[in-house]
Amino acid sequence: MSVLPPDLPRLRTLVTYLRGELSRTERALAAAEEREAATARQQLAPEPPAWLVERGIGVGRLPVRVHAGNCWDTRSRCAPADAGQIRALLAQGIPACPHCRPDTALGVLE
């Protein structure tokens, strides 16, 4: 036994009502999805590393320069490092970036 009315006028009325409800539901869904996307965009970006090691090109990719994490002169060949690694590289003779001067920030004298 169906719960739908058998006559044509009431079925048309029901279809009109349900289309309106579907439209309102779809708008509410789109608004909720937009709010969720906006919240995801507002999530804080991860904090940049404090120190970076710039590596060379080619086999082995040896370190060629060290940087502070916020240096504007870094390139795509940089990898994060900790202060101990930067001090060790400076002690090995790897040059410090002349712009951000990580050697001065770490108190390493040349």
C-alpha atoms as a PDB file:
ATOM      1  CA  MET A   1       0.000   0.000   0.000  1.00  0.00           C
ATOM      2  CA  SER A   2       1.436   3.381  -1.043  1.00  0.00           C
ATOM      3  CA  VAL A   3       1.391   6.476   1.187  1.00  0.00           C
ATOM      4  CA  LEU A   4       1.155   8.698  -1.880  1.00  0.00           C
ATOM      5  CA  PRO A   5      -2.184  10.157  -2.903  1.00  0.00           C
ATOM      6  CA  PRO A   6      -3.772   8.469  -5.925  1.00  0.00           C
ATOM      7  CA  ASP A   7      -5.103  11.564  -7.696  1.00  0.00           C
ATOM      8  CA  LEU A   8      -3.164  13.760 -10.127  1.00  0.00           C
ATOM      9  CA  PRO A   9      -3.655  17.221  -8.507  1.00  0.00           C
ATOM     10  CA  ARG A  10      -2.362  16.131  -5.102  1.00  0.00           C
ATOM     11  CA  LEU A  11       0.585  14.274  -6.670  1.00  0.00           C
ATOM     12  CA  ARG A  12       1.530  17.437  -8.590  1.00  0.00           C
ATOM     13  CA  THR A  13       1.275  19.477  -5.383  1.00  0.00           C
ATOM     14  CA  LEU A  14       3.479  16.985  -3.584  1.00  0.00           C
ATOM     15  CA  VAL A  15       6.084  17.049  -6.392  1.00  0.00           C
ATOM     16  CA  THR A  16       6.135  20.869  -6.301  1.00  0.00           C
ATOM     17  CA  TYR A  17       6.610  20.854  -2.530  1.00  0.00           C
ATOM     18  CA  LEU A  18       9.376  18.243  -2.645  1.00  0.00           C
ATOM     19  CA  ARG A  19      11.237  20.143  -5.396  1.00  0.00           C
ATOM     20  CA  GLY A  20      11.190  23.228  -3.187  1.00  0.00           C
ATOM     21  CA  GLU A  21      12.487  21.260  -0.215  1.00  0.00           C
ATOM     22  CA  LEU A  22      15.219  19.696  -2.352  1.00  0.00           C
ATOM     23  CA  SER A  23      16.284  23.123  -3.605  1.00  0.00           C
ATOM     24  CA  ARG A  24      16.474  24.522  -0.058  1.00  0.00           C
ATOM     25  CA  THR A  25      18.397  21.459   1.105  1.00  0.00           C
ATOM     26  CA  GLU A  26      20.891  21.751  -1.758  1.00  0.00           C
ATOM     27  CA  ARG A  27      21.482  25.446  -0.932  1.00  0.00           C
ATOM     28  CA  ALA A  28      22.023  24.597   2.735  1.00  0.00           C
ATOM     29  CA  LEU A  29      24.459  21.853   1.732  1.00  0.00           C
ATOM     30  CA  ALA A  30      26.419  24.213  -0.544  1.00  0.00           C
ATOM     31  CA  ALA A  31      26.616  26.818   2.239  1.00  0.00           C
ATOM     32  CA  ALA A  32      27.843  24.224   4.745  1.00  0.00           C
ATOM     33  CA  GLU A  33      30.483  22.962   2.296  1.00  0.00           C
ATOM     34  CA  GLU A  34      31.678  26.541   1.688  1.00  0.00           C
ATOM     35  CA  ARG A  35      31.954  27.184   5.440  1.00  0.00           C
ATOM     36  CA  GLU A  36      33.965  23.997   5.860  1.00  0.00           C
ATOM     37  CA  ALA A  37      36.274  24.933   2.972  1.00  0.00           C
ATOM     38  CA  ALA A  38      36.784  28.426   4.428  1.00  0.00           C
ATOM     39  CA  THR A  39      37.664  26.928   7.806  1.00  0.00           C
ATOM     40  CA  ALA A  40      40.177  24.582   6.159  1.00  0.00           C
ATOM     41  CA  ARG A  41      41.778  27.525   4.313  1.00  0.00           C
ATOM     42  CA  GLN A  42      42.140  29.433   7.577  1.00  0.00           C
ATOM     43  CA  GLN A  43      44.122  26.667   9.266  1.00  0.00           C
ATOM     44  CA  LEU A  44      47.538  27.931  10.227  1.00  0.00           C
ATOM     45  CA  ALA A  45      50.345  27.024   7.896  1.00  0.00           C
ATOM     46  CA  PRO A  46      53.131  24.990   9.478  1.00  0.00           C
ATOM     47  CA  GLU A  47      55.895  27.073  10.970  1.00  0.00           C
ATOM     48  CA  PRO A  48      58.962  27.270   8.712  1.00  0.00           C
ATOM     49  CA  PRO A  49      62.123  25.509   9.904  1.00  0.00           C
ATOM     50  CA  ALA A  50      64.597  27.607  11.876  1.00  0.00           C
ATOM     51  CA  TRP A  51      67.574  26.617   9.691  1.00  0.00           C
ATOM     52  CA  LEU A  52      68.048  25.430   6.114  1.00  0.00           C
ATOM     53  CA  VAL A  53      70.821  23.661   4.223  1.00  0.00           C
ATOM     54  CA  GLU A  54      71.095  24.493   0.532  1.00  0.00           C
ATOM     55  CA  ARG A  55      72.312  21.548  -1.493  1.00  0.00           C
ATOM     56  CA  GLY A  56      74.105  21.560  -4.829  1.00  0.00           C
ATOM     57  CA  ILE A  57      73.049  20.035  -8.104  1.00  0.00           C
ATOM     58  CA  GLY A  58      74.028  16.556  -9.220  1.00  0.00           C
ATOM     59  CA  VAL A  59      75.037  13.271  -7.699  1.00  0.00           C
ATOM     60  CA  GLY A  60      75.500  13.417  -3.949  1.00  0.00           C
ATOM     61  CA  ARG A  61      73.958  16.900  -3.675  1.00  0.00           C
ATOM     62  CA  LEU A  62      76.526  18.192  -1.202  1.00  0.00           C
ATOM     63  CA  PRO A  63      75.755  21.202   1.012  1.00  0.00           C
ATOM     64  CA  VAL A  64      76.785  24.464  -0.634  1.00  0.00           C
ATOM     65  CA  ARG A  65      75.372  27.090   1.769  1.00  0.00           C
ATOM     66  CA  VAL A  66      73.438  27.387   5.031  1.00  0.00           C
ATOM     67  CA  HIS A  67      70.521  29.758   5.718  1.00  0.00           C
ATOM     68  CA  ALA A  68      68.245  30.933   8.490  1.00  0.00           C
ATOM     69  CA  GLY A  69      64.723  29.571   8.019  1.00  0.00           C
ATOM     70  CA  ASN A  70      63.234  32.961   7.165  1.00  0.00           C
ATOM     71  CA  CYS A  71      65.848  33.887   4.535  1.00  0.00           C
ATOM     72  CA  TRP A  72      64.518  35.394   1.323  1.00  0.00           C
ATOM     73  CA  ASP A  73      67.440  34.031  -0.726  1.00  0.00           C
ATOM     74  CA  THR A  74      66.666  30.326  -0.358  1.00  0.00           C
ATOM     75  CA  ARG A  75      66.157  28.113  -3.343  1.00  0.00           C
ATOM     76  CA  SER A  76      64.186  24.950  -4.018  1.00  0.00           C
ATOM     77  CA  ARG A  77      67.182  22.801  -3.104  1.00  0.00           C
ATOM     78  CA  CYS A  78      66.959  23.630   0.619  1.00  0.00           C
ATOM     79  CA  ALA A  79      66.234  21.128   3.365  1.00  0.00           C
ATOM     80  CA  PRO A  80      65.421  21.799   7.032  1.00  0.00           C
ATOM     81  CA  ALA A  81      68.194  21.348   9.594  1.00  0.00           C
ATOM     82  CA  ASP A  82      68.711  21.908  13.297  1.00  0.00           C
ATOM     83  CA  ALA A  83      71.166  24.310  14.895  1.00  0.00           C
ATOM     84  CA  GLY A  84      73.699  21.564  15.608  1.00  0.00           C
ATOM     85  CA  GLN A  85      73.822  20.504  11.978  1.00  0.00           C
ATOM     86  CA  ILE A  86      74.266  24.116  10.854  1.00  0.00           C
ATOM     87  CA  ARG A  87      77.125  24.643  13.331  1.00  0.00           C
ATOM     88  CA  ALA A  88      78.803  21.449  12.104  1.00  0.00           C
ATOM     89  CA  LEU A  89      78.492  22.504   8.461  1.00  0.00           C
ATOM     90  CA  LEU A  90      79.883  25.957   9.241  1.00  0.00           C
ATOM     91  CA  ALA A  91      82.813  24.300  11.051  1.00  0.00           C
ATOM     92  CA  GLN A  92      83.441  22.196   7.925  1.00  0.00           C
ATOM     93  CA  GLY A  93      83.748  25.365   5.853  1.00  0.00           C
ATOM     94  CA  ILE A  94      80.316  25.470   4.220  1.00  0.00           C
ATOM     95  CA  PRO A  95      79.633  29.179   3.668  1.00  0.00           C
ATOM     96  CA  ALA A  96      76.828  31.034   5.398  1.00  0.00           C
ATOM     97  CA  CYS A  97      74.300  33.015   3.397  1.00  0.00           C
ATOM     98  CA  PRO A  98      75.484  36.625   3.223  1.00  0.00           C
ATOM     99  CA  HIS A  99      71.915  37.898   3.560  1.00  0.00           C
ATOM    100  CA  CYS A 100      70.509  36.097   6.594  1.00  0.00           C
ATOM    101  CA  ARG A 101      73.870  35.397   8.296  1.00  0.00           C
ATOM    102  CA  PRO A 102      73.053  32.173  10.201  1.00  0.00           C
ATOM    103  CA  ASP A 103      76.633  32.088  11.508  1.00  0.00           C
ATOM    104  CA  THR A 104      76.084  35.397  13.314  1.00  0.00           C
ATOM    105  CA  ALA A 105      72.684  34.285  14.638  1.00  0.00           C
ATOM    106  CA  LEU A 106      74.242  31.094  16.039  1.00  0.00           C
ATOM    107  CA  GLY A 107      77.277  32.916  17.452  1.00  0.00           C
ATOM    108  CA  VAL A 108      79.736  31.027  15.241  1.00  0.00           C
ATOM    109  CA  LEU A 109      82.879  33.063  14.586  1.00  0.00           C
ATOM    110  CA  GLU A 110      84.802  32.567  11.389  1.00  0.00           C
END
